[in-house]
Full PDB file with SEQRES, HELIX, SHEET, SSBOND, CRYST1, ORIGX, SCALE, CONECT and MASTER records, all heavy atoms in Angstrom:
SEQRES   1 A   39  LYS LYS GLN ASP ARG PHE ALA GLY LEU ILE GLN PRO THR          
SEQRES   2 A   39  GLY THR GLU LYS VAL LEU ASN SER TYR ALA MET LYS THR          
SEQRES   3 A   39  ARG ARG LYS ILE ASP SER GLY GLN GLN ILE GLU THR ALA          
HELIX    1 AA1 SER A   32  THR A   38  1                                   7    
SHEET    1 AA1 3 ARG A   5  PHE A   6  0                                        
SHEET    2 AA1 3 SER A  21  MET A  24 -1                                        
SHEET    3 AA1 3 THR A  15  VAL A  18 -1                                        
CRYST1    1.000    1.000    1.000  90.00  90.00  90.00 P 1           1          
ORIGX1      1.000000  0.000000  0.000000        0.00000                         
ORIGX2      0.000000  1.000000  0.000000        0.00000                         
ORIGX3      0.000000  0.000000  1.000000        0.00000                         
SCALE1      1.000000  0.000000  0.000000        0.00000                         
SCALE2      0.000000  1.000000  0.000000        0.00000                         
SCALE3      0.000000  0.000000  1.000000        0.00000                         
ATOM      1  N   LYS A   1      -2.094  13.478   8.443  1.00  0.00           N  
ATOM      2  CA  LYS A   1      -3.269  12.886   7.808  1.00  0.00           C  
ATOM      3  C   LYS A   1      -3.961  11.911   8.750  1.00  0.00           C  
ATOM      4  O   LYS A   1      -3.368  11.407   9.677  1.00  0.00           O  
ATOM      5  CB  LYS A   1      -2.863  12.156   6.527  1.00  0.00           C  
ATOM      6  CG  LYS A   1      -2.260  13.081   5.499  1.00  0.00           C  
ATOM      7  CD  LYS A   1      -1.773  12.311   4.308  1.00  0.00           C  
ATOM      8  CE  LYS A   1      -1.094  13.236   3.316  1.00  0.00           C  
ATOM      9  NZ  LYS A   1      -0.513  12.504   2.201  1.00  0.00           N  
ATOM     10  N   LYS A   2      -5.197  11.647   8.475  1.00  0.00           N  
ATOM     11  CA  LYS A   2      -5.976  10.668   9.246  1.00  0.00           C  
ATOM     12  C   LYS A   2      -6.000   9.360   8.467  1.00  0.00           C  
ATOM     13  O   LYS A   2      -6.960   9.036   7.792  1.00  0.00           O  
ATOM     14  CB  LYS A   2      -7.402  11.175   9.469  1.00  0.00           C  
ATOM     15  CG  LYS A   2      -7.487  12.512  10.152  1.00  0.00           C  
ATOM     16  CD  LYS A   2      -7.133  12.378  11.619  1.00  0.00           C  
ATOM     17  CE  LYS A   2      -7.407  13.693  12.315  1.00  0.00           C  
ATOM     18  NZ  LYS A   2      -6.517  13.966  13.382  1.00  0.00           N  
ATOM     19  N   GLN A   3      -4.894   8.603   8.531  1.00  0.00           N  
ATOM     20  CA  GLN A   3      -4.803   7.353   7.795  1.00  0.00           C  
ATOM     21  C   GLN A   3      -4.580   6.193   8.747  1.00  0.00           C  
ATOM     22  O   GLN A   3      -4.125   6.371   9.867  1.00  0.00           O  
ATOM     23  CB  GLN A   3      -3.638   7.407   6.803  1.00  0.00           C  
ATOM     24  CG  GLN A   3      -3.791   8.463   5.738  1.00  0.00           C  
ATOM     25  CD  GLN A   3      -2.582   8.528   4.838  1.00  0.00           C  
ATOM     26  OE1 GLN A   3      -1.465   8.318   5.275  1.00  0.00           O  
ATOM     27  NE2 GLN A   3      -2.809   8.823   3.579  1.00  0.00           N  
ATOM     28  N   ASP A   4      -4.899   4.995   8.283  1.00  0.00           N  
ATOM     29  CA  ASP A   4      -4.649   3.806   9.093  1.00  0.00           C  
ATOM     30  C   ASP A   4      -3.465   3.007   8.557  1.00  0.00           C  
ATOM     31  O   ASP A   4      -3.190   1.915   9.023  1.00  0.00           O  
ATOM     32  CB  ASP A   4      -5.900   2.931   9.181  1.00  0.00           C  
ATOM     33  CG  ASP A   4      -6.360   2.428   7.827  1.00  0.00           C  
ATOM     34  OD1 ASP A   4      -5.826   2.876   6.799  1.00  0.00           O  
ATOM     35  OD2 ASP A   4      -7.264   1.579   7.795  1.00  0.00           O  
ATOM     36  N   ARG A   5      -2.757   3.564   7.586  1.00  0.00           N  
ATOM     37  CA  ARG A   5      -1.570   2.916   7.029  1.00  0.00           C  
ATOM     38  C   ARG A   5      -0.412   3.899   6.977  1.00  0.00           C  
ATOM     39  O   ARG A   5      -0.599   5.073   6.696  1.00  0.00           O  
ATOM     40  CB  ARG A   5      -1.838   2.380   5.624  1.00  0.00           C  
ATOM     41  CG  ARG A   5      -2.863   1.277   5.618  1.00  0.00           C  
ATOM     42  CD  ARG A   5      -3.049   0.726   4.219  1.00  0.00           C  
ATOM     43  NE  ARG A   5      -4.177  -0.154   4.170  1.00  0.00           N  
ATOM     44  CZ  ARG A   5      -4.087  -1.475   4.279  1.00  0.00           C  
ATOM     45  NH1 ARG A   5      -2.929  -2.043   4.435  1.00  0.00           N  
ATOM     46  NH2 ARG A   5      -5.173  -2.217   4.225  1.00  0.00           N  
ATOM     47  N   PHE A   6       0.768   3.376   7.243  1.00  0.00           N  
ATOM     48  CA  PHE A   6       1.990   4.180   7.191  1.00  0.00           C  
ATOM     49  C   PHE A   6       2.901   3.577   6.138  1.00  0.00           C  
ATOM     50  O   PHE A   6       3.256   2.404   6.206  1.00  0.00           O  
ATOM     51  CB  PHE A   6       2.689   4.175   8.553  1.00  0.00           C  
ATOM     52  CG  PHE A   6       4.019   4.883   8.551  1.00  0.00           C  
ATOM     53  CD1 PHE A   6       4.086   6.264   8.531  1.00  0.00           C  
ATOM     54  CD2 PHE A   6       5.210   4.165   8.563  1.00  0.00           C  
ATOM     55  CE1 PHE A   6       5.306   6.918   8.531  1.00  0.00           C  
ATOM     56  CE2 PHE A   6       6.432   4.811   8.570  1.00  0.00           C  
ATOM     57  CZ  PHE A   6       6.475   6.193   8.548  1.00  0.00           C  
ATOM     58  N   ALA A   7       3.268   4.365   5.140  1.00  0.00           N  
ATOM     59  CA  ALA A   7       4.195   3.921   4.092  1.00  0.00           C  
ATOM     60  C   ALA A   7       5.522   4.624   4.339  1.00  0.00           C  
ATOM     61  O   ALA A   7       5.643   5.819   4.093  1.00  0.00           O  
ATOM     62  CB  ALA A   7       3.646   4.260   2.716  1.00  0.00           C  
ATOM     63  N   GLY A   8       6.487   3.881   4.874  1.00  0.00           N  
ATOM     64  CA  GLY A   8       7.761   4.504   5.177  1.00  0.00           C  
ATOM     65  C   GLY A   8       8.886   3.504   5.270  1.00  0.00           C  
ATOM     66  O   GLY A   8       8.689   2.298   5.165  1.00  0.00           O  
ATOM     67  N   LEU A   9      10.076   4.025   5.488  1.00  0.00           N  
ATOM     68  CA  LEU A   9      11.275   3.201   5.572  1.00  0.00           C  
ATOM     69  C   LEU A   9      11.245   2.275   6.775  1.00  0.00           C  
ATOM     70  O   LEU A   9      11.583   1.107   6.683  1.00  0.00           O  
ATOM     71  CB  LEU A   9      12.517   4.107   5.635  1.00  0.00           C  
ATOM     72  CG  LEU A   9      13.866   3.410   5.750  1.00  0.00           C  
ATOM     73  CD1 LEU A   9      14.154   2.565   4.517  1.00  0.00           C  
ATOM     74  CD2 LEU A   9      14.969   4.442   5.964  1.00  0.00           C  
ATOM     75  N   ILE A  10      10.826   2.791   7.930  1.00  0.00           N  
ATOM     76  CA  ILE A  10      10.854   2.044   9.181  1.00  0.00           C  
ATOM     77  C   ILE A  10       9.438   1.657   9.589  1.00  0.00           C  
ATOM     78  O   ILE A  10       8.556   2.508   9.665  1.00  0.00           O  
ATOM     79  CB  ILE A  10      11.514   2.877  10.304  1.00  0.00           C  
ATOM     80  CG1 ILE A  10      12.907   3.336   9.897  1.00  0.00           C  
ATOM     81  CG2 ILE A  10      11.546   2.109  11.618  1.00  0.00           C  
ATOM     82  CD1 ILE A  10      13.885   2.222   9.623  1.00  0.00           C  
ATOM     83  N   GLN A  11       9.224   0.383   9.887  1.00  0.00           N  
ATOM     84  CA  GLN A  11       7.923  -0.094  10.346  1.00  0.00           C  
ATOM     85  C   GLN A  11       7.708   0.335  11.792  1.00  0.00           C  
ATOM     86  O   GLN A  11       8.492  -0.032  12.665  1.00  0.00           O  
ATOM     87  CB  GLN A  11       7.852  -1.619  10.244  1.00  0.00           C  
ATOM     88  CG  GLN A  11       6.532  -2.175  10.729  1.00  0.00           C  
ATOM     89  CD  GLN A  11       6.453  -3.690  10.586  1.00  0.00           C  
ATOM     90  OE1 GLN A  11       7.335  -4.328  10.040  1.00  0.00           O  
ATOM     91  NE2 GLN A  11       5.377  -4.256  11.083  1.00  0.00           N  
ATOM     92  N   PRO A  12       6.683   1.132  12.061  1.00  0.00           N  
ATOM     93  CA  PRO A  12       6.409   1.517  13.449  1.00  0.00           C  
ATOM     94  C   PRO A  12       6.025   0.290  14.277  1.00  0.00           C  
ATOM     95  O   PRO A  12       5.420  -0.650  13.758  1.00  0.00           O  
ATOM     96  CB  PRO A  12       5.220   2.471  13.329  1.00  0.00           C  
ATOM     97  CG  PRO A  12       5.221   2.930  11.908  1.00  0.00           C  
ATOM     98  CD  PRO A  12       5.769   1.776  11.125  1.00  0.00           C  
ATOM     99  N   THR A  13       6.360   0.305  15.556  1.00  0.00           N  
ATOM    100  CA  THR A  13       5.944  -0.786  16.427  1.00  0.00           C  
ATOM    101  C   THR A  13       4.423  -0.801  16.503  1.00  0.00           C  
ATOM    102  O   THR A  13       3.770   0.226  16.327  1.00  0.00           O  
ATOM    103  CB  THR A  13       6.539  -0.634  17.846  1.00  0.00           C  
ATOM    104  OG1 THR A  13       6.219   0.656  18.345  1.00  0.00           O  
ATOM    105  CG2 THR A  13       8.040  -0.808  17.848  1.00  0.00           C  
ATOM    106  N   GLY A  14       3.863  -1.966  16.722  1.00  0.00           N  
ATOM    107  CA  GLY A  14       2.412  -2.093  16.821  1.00  0.00           C  
ATOM    108  C   GLY A  14       1.716  -2.015  15.483  1.00  0.00           C  
ATOM    109  O   GLY A  14       0.552  -1.619  15.405  1.00  0.00           O  
ATOM    110  N   THR A  15       2.422  -2.387  14.404  1.00  0.00           N  
ATOM    111  CA  THR A  15       1.820  -2.374  13.071  1.00  0.00           C  
ATOM    112  C   THR A  15       1.984  -3.744  12.431  1.00  0.00           C  
ATOM    113  O   THR A  15       2.773  -4.569  12.867  1.00  0.00           O  
ATOM    114  CB  THR A  15       2.469  -1.320  12.150  1.00  0.00           C  
ATOM    115  OG1 THR A  15       3.846  -1.647  11.962  1.00  0.00           O  
ATOM    116  CG2 THR A  15       2.323   0.068  12.709  1.00  0.00           C  
ATOM    117  N   GLU A  16       1.234  -3.931  11.362  1.00  0.00           N  
ATOM    118  CA  GLU A  16       1.269  -5.172  10.609  1.00  0.00           C  
ATOM    119  C   GLU A  16       1.671  -4.850   9.174  1.00  0.00           C  
ATOM    120  O   GLU A  16       1.159  -3.903   8.571  1.00  0.00           O  
ATOM    121  CB  GLU A  16      -0.123  -5.802  10.648  1.00  0.00           C  
ATOM    122  CG  GLU A  16      -0.275  -7.080   9.891  1.00  0.00           C  
ATOM    123  CD  GLU A  16      -1.711  -7.588   9.984  1.00  0.00           C  
ATOM    124  OE1 GLU A  16      -2.296  -7.539  11.076  1.00  0.00           O  
ATOM    125  OE2 GLU A  16      -2.236  -8.022   8.951  1.00  0.00           O  
ATOM    126  N   LYS A  17       2.590  -5.629   8.619  1.00  0.00           N  
ATOM    127  CA  LYS A  17       3.046  -5.419   7.240  1.00  0.00           C  
ATOM    128  C   LYS A  17       1.930  -5.780   6.273  1.00  0.00           C  
ATOM    129  O   LYS A  17       1.339  -6.847   6.354  1.00  0.00           O  
ATOM    130  CB  LYS A  17       4.290  -6.282   6.966  1.00  0.00           C  
ATOM    131  CG  LYS A  17       4.779  -6.227   5.545  1.00  0.00           C  
ATOM    132  CD  LYS A  17       5.584  -4.978   5.300  1.00  0.00           C  
ATOM    133  CE  LYS A  17       6.227  -5.018   3.922  1.00  0.00           C  
ATOM    134  NZ  LYS A  17       5.899  -3.912   3.091  1.00  0.00           N  
ATOM    135  N   VAL A  18       1.606  -4.839   5.382  1.00  0.00           N  
ATOM    136  CA  VAL A  18       0.667  -5.074   4.291  1.00  0.00           C  
ATOM    137  C   VAL A  18       1.358  -4.600   3.016  1.00  0.00           C  
ATOM    138  O   VAL A  18       2.462  -4.060   3.070  1.00  0.00           O  
ATOM    139  CB  VAL A  18      -0.679  -4.333   4.515  1.00  0.00           C  
ATOM    140  CG1 VAL A  18      -1.425  -4.915   5.699  1.00  0.00           C  
ATOM    141  CG2 VAL A  18      -0.486  -2.852   4.704  1.00  0.00           C  
ATOM    142  N   LEU A  19       0.754  -4.786   1.885  1.00  0.00           N  
ATOM    143  CA  LEU A  19       1.371  -4.446   0.610  1.00  0.00           C  
ATOM    144  C   LEU A  19       1.891  -3.010   0.597  1.00  0.00           C  
ATOM    145  O   LEU A  19       1.117  -2.063   0.703  1.00  0.00           O  
ATOM    146  CB  LEU A  19       0.377  -4.647  -0.531  1.00  0.00           C  
ATOM    147  CG  LEU A  19       0.916  -4.412  -1.940  1.00  0.00           C  
ATOM    148  CD1 LEU A  19       2.017  -5.424  -2.266  1.00  0.00           C  
ATOM    149  CD2 LEU A  19      -0.205  -4.501  -2.954  1.00  0.00           C  
ATOM    150  N   ASN A  20       3.210  -2.848   0.515  1.00  0.00           N  
ATOM    151  CA  ASN A  20       3.903  -1.557   0.387  1.00  0.00           C  
ATOM    152  C   ASN A  20       3.632  -0.565   1.520  1.00  0.00           C  
ATOM    153  O   ASN A  20       3.850   0.633   1.346  1.00  0.00           O  
ATOM    154  CB  ASN A  20       3.583  -0.894  -0.950  1.00  0.00           C  
ATOM    155  CG  ASN A  20       4.075  -1.712  -2.115  1.00  0.00           C  
ATOM    156  OD1 ASN A  20       5.019  -2.487  -2.000  1.00  0.00           O  
ATOM    157  ND2 ASN A  20       3.433  -1.554  -3.254  1.00  0.00           N  
ATOM    158  N   SER A  21       3.124  -1.053   2.664  1.00  0.00           N  
ATOM    159  CA  SER A  21       2.915  -0.157   3.800  1.00  0.00           C  
ATOM    160  C   SER A  21       2.729  -0.988   5.065  1.00  0.00           C  
ATOM    161  O   SER A  21       2.864  -2.205   5.045  1.00  0.00           O  
ATOM    162  CB  SER A  21       1.703   0.756   3.565  1.00  0.00           C  
ATOM    163  OG  SER A  21       0.513   0.014   3.529  1.00  0.00           O  
ATOM    164  N   TYR A  22       2.393  -0.296   6.165  1.00  0.00           N  
ATOM    165  CA  TYR A  22       2.180  -0.932   7.459  1.00  0.00           C  
ATOM    166  C   TYR A  22       0.817  -0.492   7.988  1.00  0.00           C  
ATOM    167  O   TYR A  22       0.537   0.701   8.063  1.00  0.00           O  
ATOM    168  CB  TYR A  22       3.286  -0.529   8.443  1.00  0.00           C  
ATOM    169  CG  TYR A  22       4.664  -0.792   7.887  1.00  0.00           C  
ATOM    170  CD1 TYR A  22       5.442   0.250   7.406  1.00  0.00           C  
ATOM    171  CD2 TYR A  22       5.174  -2.087   7.819  1.00  0.00           C  
ATOM    172  CE1 TYR A  22       6.706   0.008   6.876  1.00  0.00           C  
ATOM    173  CE2 TYR A  22       6.436  -2.329   7.289  1.00  0.00           C  
ATOM    174  CZ  TYR A  22       7.197  -1.284   6.822  1.00  0.00           C  
ATOM    175  OH  TYR A  22       8.434  -1.525   6.294  1.00  0.00           O  
ATOM    176  N   ALA A  23      -0.020  -1.464   8.357  1.00  0.00           N  
ATOM    177  CA  ALA A  23      -1.344  -1.160   8.892  1.00  0.00           C  
ATOM    178  C   ALA A  23      -1.223  -0.885  10.385  1.00  0.00           C  
ATOM    179  O   ALA A  23      -0.661  -1.689  11.124  1.00  0.00           O  
ATOM    180  CB  ALA A  23      -2.298  -2.326   8.645  1.00  0.00           C  
ATOM    181  N   MET A  24      -1.734   0.257  10.801  1.00  0.00           N  
ATOM    182  CA  MET A  24      -1.713   0.631  12.213  1.00  0.00           C  
ATOM    183  C   MET A  24      -2.836  -0.116  12.920  1.00  0.00           C  
ATOM    184  O   MET A  24      -3.979  -0.086  12.486  1.00  0.00           O  
ATOM    185  CB  MET A  24      -1.919   2.140  12.364  1.00  0.00           C  
ATOM    186  CG  MET A  24      -0.908   2.999  11.624  1.00  0.00           C  
ATOM    187  SD  MET A  24       0.775   2.839  12.212  1.00  0.00           S  
ATOM    188  CE  MET A  24       0.683   3.790  13.715  1.00  0.00           C  
ATOM    189  N   LYS A  25      -2.502  -0.784  14.027  1.00  0.00           N  
ATOM    190  CA  LYS A  25      -3.529  -1.492  14.797  1.00  0.00           C  
ATOM    191  C   LYS A  25      -4.451  -0.489  15.473  1.00  0.00           C  
ATOM    192  O   LYS A  25      -5.657  -0.689  15.560  1.00  0.00           O  
ATOM    193  CB  LYS A  25      -2.896  -2.438  15.806  1.00  0.00           C  
ATOM    194  CG  LYS A  25      -2.200  -3.604  15.112  1.00  0.00           C  
ATOM    195  CD  LYS A  25      -1.575  -4.567  16.075  1.00  0.00           C  
ATOM    196  CE  LYS A  25      -0.888  -5.672  15.298  1.00  0.00           C  
ATOM    197  NZ  LYS A  25      -0.153  -6.572  16.145  1.00  0.00           N  
ATOM    198  N   THR A  26      -3.875   0.604  15.954  1.00  0.00           N  
ATOM    199  CA  THR A  26      -4.659   1.718  16.478  1.00  0.00           C  
ATOM    200  C   THR A  26      -4.025   3.000  15.940  1.00  0.00           C  
ATOM    201  O   THR A  26      -2.803   3.125  15.885  1.00  0.00           O  
ATOM    202  CB  THR A  26      -4.667   1.761  18.023  1.00  0.00           C  
ATOM    203  OG1 THR A  26      -3.323   1.819  18.499  1.00  0.00           O  
ATOM    204  CG2 THR A  26      -5.346   0.540  18.606  1.00  0.00           C  
ATOM    205  N   ARG A  27      -4.875   3.939  15.546  1.00  0.00           N  
ATOM    206  CA  ARG A  27      -4.390   5.213  15.005  1.00  0.00           C  
ATOM    207  C   ARG A  27      -3.684   5.981  16.112  1.00  0.00           C  
ATOM    208  O   ARG A  27      -4.245   6.191  17.183  1.00  0.00           O  
ATOM    209  CB  ARG A  27      -5.571   6.019  14.460  1.00  0.00           C  
ATOM    210  CG  ARG A  27      -5.229   7.413  14.015  1.00  0.00           C  
ATOM    211  CD  ARG A  27      -4.561   7.406  12.648  1.00  0.00           C  
ATOM    212  NE  ARG A  27      -4.342   8.768  12.211  1.00  0.00           N  
ATOM    213  CZ  ARG A  27      -3.136   9.293  12.027  1.00  0.00           C  
ATOM    214  NH1 ARG A  27      -2.061   8.572  12.177  1.00  0.00           N  
ATOM    215  NH2 ARG A  27      -3.004  10.533  11.648  1.00  0.00           N  
ATOM    216  N   ARG A  28      -2.435   6.362  15.881  1.00  0.00           N  
ATOM    217  CA  ARG A  28      -1.673   7.119  16.866  1.00  0.00           C  
ATOM    218  C   ARG A  28      -0.609   7.949  16.152  1.00  0.00           C  
ATOM    219  O   ARG A  28      -0.283   7.696  14.997  1.00  0.00           O  
ATOM    220  CB  ARG A  28      -1.001   6.178  17.868  1.00  0.00           C  
ATOM    221  CG  ARG A  28       0.050   5.273  17.236  1.00  0.00           C  
ATOM    222  CD  ARG A  28       0.713   4.370  18.266  1.00  0.00           C  
ATOM    223  NE  ARG A  28       1.513   3.346  17.620  1.00  0.00           N  
ATOM    224  CZ  ARG A  28       2.786   3.491  17.251  1.00  0.00           C  
ATOM    225  NH1 ARG A  28       3.408   4.622  17.454  1.00  0.00           N  
ATOM    226  NH2 ARG A  28       3.444   2.495  16.677  1.00  0.00           N  
ATOM    227  N   LYS A  29      -0.098   8.915  16.860  1.00  0.00           N  
ATOM    228  CA  LYS A  29       0.986   9.732  16.336  1.00  0.00           C  
ATOM    229  C   LYS A  29       2.282   8.932  16.421  1.00  0.00           C  
ATOM    230  O   LYS A  29       2.543   8.263  17.417  1.00  0.00           O  
ATOM    231  CB  LYS A  29       1.099  11.021  17.157  1.00  0.00           C  
ATOM    232  CG  LYS A  29       2.075  11.992  16.600  1.00  0.00           C  
ATOM    233  CD  LYS A  29       2.037  13.300  17.382  1.00  0.00           C  
ATOM    234  CE  LYS A  29       3.038  14.260  16.777  1.00  0.00           C  
ATOM    235  NZ  LYS A  29       3.044  15.538  17.461  1.00  0.00           N  
ATOM    236  N   ILE A  30       3.091   8.995  15.370  1.00  0.00           N  
ATOM    237  CA  ILE A  30       4.372   8.297  15.335  1.00  0.00           C  
ATOM    238  C   ILE A  30       5.460   9.271  15.764  1.00  0.00           C  
ATOM    239  O   ILE A  30       5.456  10.436  15.376  1.00  0.00           O  
ATOM    240  CB  ILE A  30       4.660   7.751  13.922  1.00  0.00           C  
ATOM    241  CG1 ILE A  30       3.609   6.712  13.540  1.00  0.00           C  
ATOM    242  CG2 ILE A  30       6.057   7.141  13.846  1.00  0.00           C  
ATOM    243  CD1 ILE A  30       3.726   6.222  12.119  1.00  0.00           C  
ATOM    244  N   ASP A  31       6.402   8.799  16.562  1.00  0.00           N  
ATOM    245  CA  ASP A  31       7.522   9.601  17.057  1.00  0.00           C  
ATOM    246  C   ASP A  31       8.646   9.592  16.018  1.00  0.00           C  
ATOM    247  O   ASP A  31       9.279   8.555  15.799  1.00  0.00           O  
ATOM    248  CB  ASP A  31       8.009   9.022  18.386  1.00  0.00           C  
ATOM    249  CG  ASP A  31       9.141   9.815  19.003  1.00  0.00           C  
ATOM    250  OD1 ASP A  31       9.905  10.491  18.280  1.00  0.00           O  
ATOM    251  OD2 ASP A  31       9.284   9.761  20.235  1.00  0.00           O  
ATOM    252  N   SER A  32       8.884  10.734  15.384  1.00  0.00           N  
ATOM    253  CA  SER A  32       9.917  10.789  14.343  1.00  0.00           C  
ATOM    254  C   SER A  32      11.310  10.547  14.917  1.00  0.00           C  
ATOM    255  O   SER A  32      12.159   9.952  14.249  1.00  0.00           O  
ATOM    256  CB  SER A  32       9.864  12.116  13.588  1.00  0.00           C  
ATOM    257  OG  SER A  32      10.144  13.196  14.446  1.00  0.00           O  
ATOM    258  N   GLY A  33      11.557  10.963  16.151  1.00  0.00           N  
ATOM    259  CA  GLY A  33      12.864  10.744  16.767  1.00  0.00           C  
ATOM    260  C   GLY A  33      13.203   9.272  16.881  1.00  0.00           C  
ATOM    261  O   GLY A  33      14.324   8.855  16.555  1.00  0.00           O  
ATOM    262  N   GLN A  34      12.245   8.465  17.309  1.00  0.00           N  
ATOM    263  CA  GLN A  34      12.463   7.020  17.406  1.00  0.00           C  
ATOM    264  C   GLN A  34      12.653   6.401  16.031  1.00  0.00           C  
ATOM    265  O   GLN A  34      13.504   5.534  15.838  1.00  0.00           O  
ATOM    266  CB  GLN A  34      11.291   6.339  18.115  1.00  0.00           C  
ATOM    267  CG  GLN A  34      11.225   6.606  19.586  1.00  0.00           C  
ATOM    268  CD  GLN A  34      10.023   5.917  20.228  1.00  0.00           C  
ATOM    269  OE1 GLN A  34       9.088   5.501  19.555  1.00  0.00           O  
ATOM    270  NE2 GLN A  34      10.057   5.795  21.545  1.00  0.00           N  
ATOM    271  N   GLN A  35      11.855   6.839  15.072  1.00  0.00           N  
ATOM    272  CA  GLN A  35      11.966   6.308  13.710  1.00  0.00           C  
ATOM    273  C   GLN A  35      13.333   6.648  13.111  1.00  0.00           C  
ATOM    274  O   GLN A  35      13.963   5.814  12.467  1.00  0.00           O  
ATOM    275  CB  GLN A  35      10.857   6.867  12.824  1.00  0.00           C  
ATOM    276  CG  GLN A  35       9.454   6.433  13.197  1.00  0.00           C  
ATOM    277  CD  GLN A  35       9.189   4.978  12.930  1.00  0.00           C  
ATOM    278  OE1 GLN A  35       9.267   4.159  13.830  1.00  0.00           O  
ATOM    279  NE2 GLN A  35       8.875   4.642  11.711  1.00  0.00           N  
ATOM    280  N   ILE A  36      13.797   7.882  13.328  1.00  0.00           N  
ATOM    281  CA  ILE A  36      15.107   8.297  12.804  1.00  0.00           C  
ATOM    282  C   ILE A  36      16.215   7.483  13.453  1.00  0.00           C  
ATOM    283  O   ILE A  36      17.122   6.999  12.756  1.00  0.00           O  
ATOM    284  CB  ILE A  36      15.311   9.818  13.012  1.00  0.00           C  
ATOM    285  CG1 ILE A  36      14.380  10.612  12.090  1.00  0.00           C  
ATOM    286  CG2 ILE A  36      16.775  10.202  12.792  1.00  0.00           C  
ATOM    287  CD1 ILE A  36      14.285  12.092  12.405  1.00  0.00           C  
ATOM    288  N   GLU A  37      16.159   7.322  14.755  1.00  0.00           N  
ATOM    289  CA  GLU A  37      17.179   6.546  15.464  1.00  0.00           C  
ATOM    290  C   GLU A  37      17.249   5.119  14.933  1.00  0.00           C  
ATOM    291  O   GLU A  37      18.331   4.581  14.679  1.00  0.00           O  
ATOM    292  CB  GLU A  37      16.870   6.534  16.964  1.00  0.00           C  
ATOM    293  CG  GLU A  37      17.911   5.816  17.792  1.00  0.00           C  
ATOM    294  CD  GLU A  37      17.588   5.857  19.281  1.00  0.00           C  
ATOM    295  OE1 GLU A  37      17.050   6.866  19.752  1.00  0.00           O  
ATOM    296  OE2 GLU A  37      17.884   4.855  19.951  1.00  0.00           O  
ATOM    297  N   THR A  38      16.087   4.503  14.724  1.00  0.00           N  
ATOM    298  CA  THR A  38      16.043   3.143  14.188  1.00  0.00           C  
ATOM    299  C   THR A  38      16.602   3.099  12.770  1.00  0.00           C  
ATOM    300  O   THR A  38      17.351   2.184  12.413  1.00  0.00           O  
ATOM    301  CB  THR A  38      14.598   2.602  14.204  1.00  0.00           C  
ATOM    302  OG1 THR A  38      14.131   2.602  15.557  1.00  0.00           O  
ATOM    303  CG2 THR A  38      14.518   1.195  13.648  1.00  0.00           C  
ATOM    304  N   ALA A  39      16.280   4.094  11.957  1.00  0.00           N  
ATOM    305  CA  ALA A  39      16.768   4.135  10.574  1.00  0.00           C  
ATOM    306  C   ALA A  39      18.289   4.286  10.515  1.00  0.00           C  
ATOM    307  O   ALA A  39      18.955   3.640   9.699  1.00  0.00           O  
ATOM    308  CB  ALA A  39      16.096   5.274   9.815  1.00  0.00           C  
TER     309      ALA A  39                                                      
MASTER        0    0    0    1    3    0    0    6  308    1    0    3          
END                                                                             
């Protein structure tokens, strides 16, 4: 999707916590491998 917020278990780096999600400072693809490893 073309969204500026990510609602997930792990906060991606370069984001800001907002109500029930994380605001992306710049729209980019998130690496699922890194997110899984962190989780």
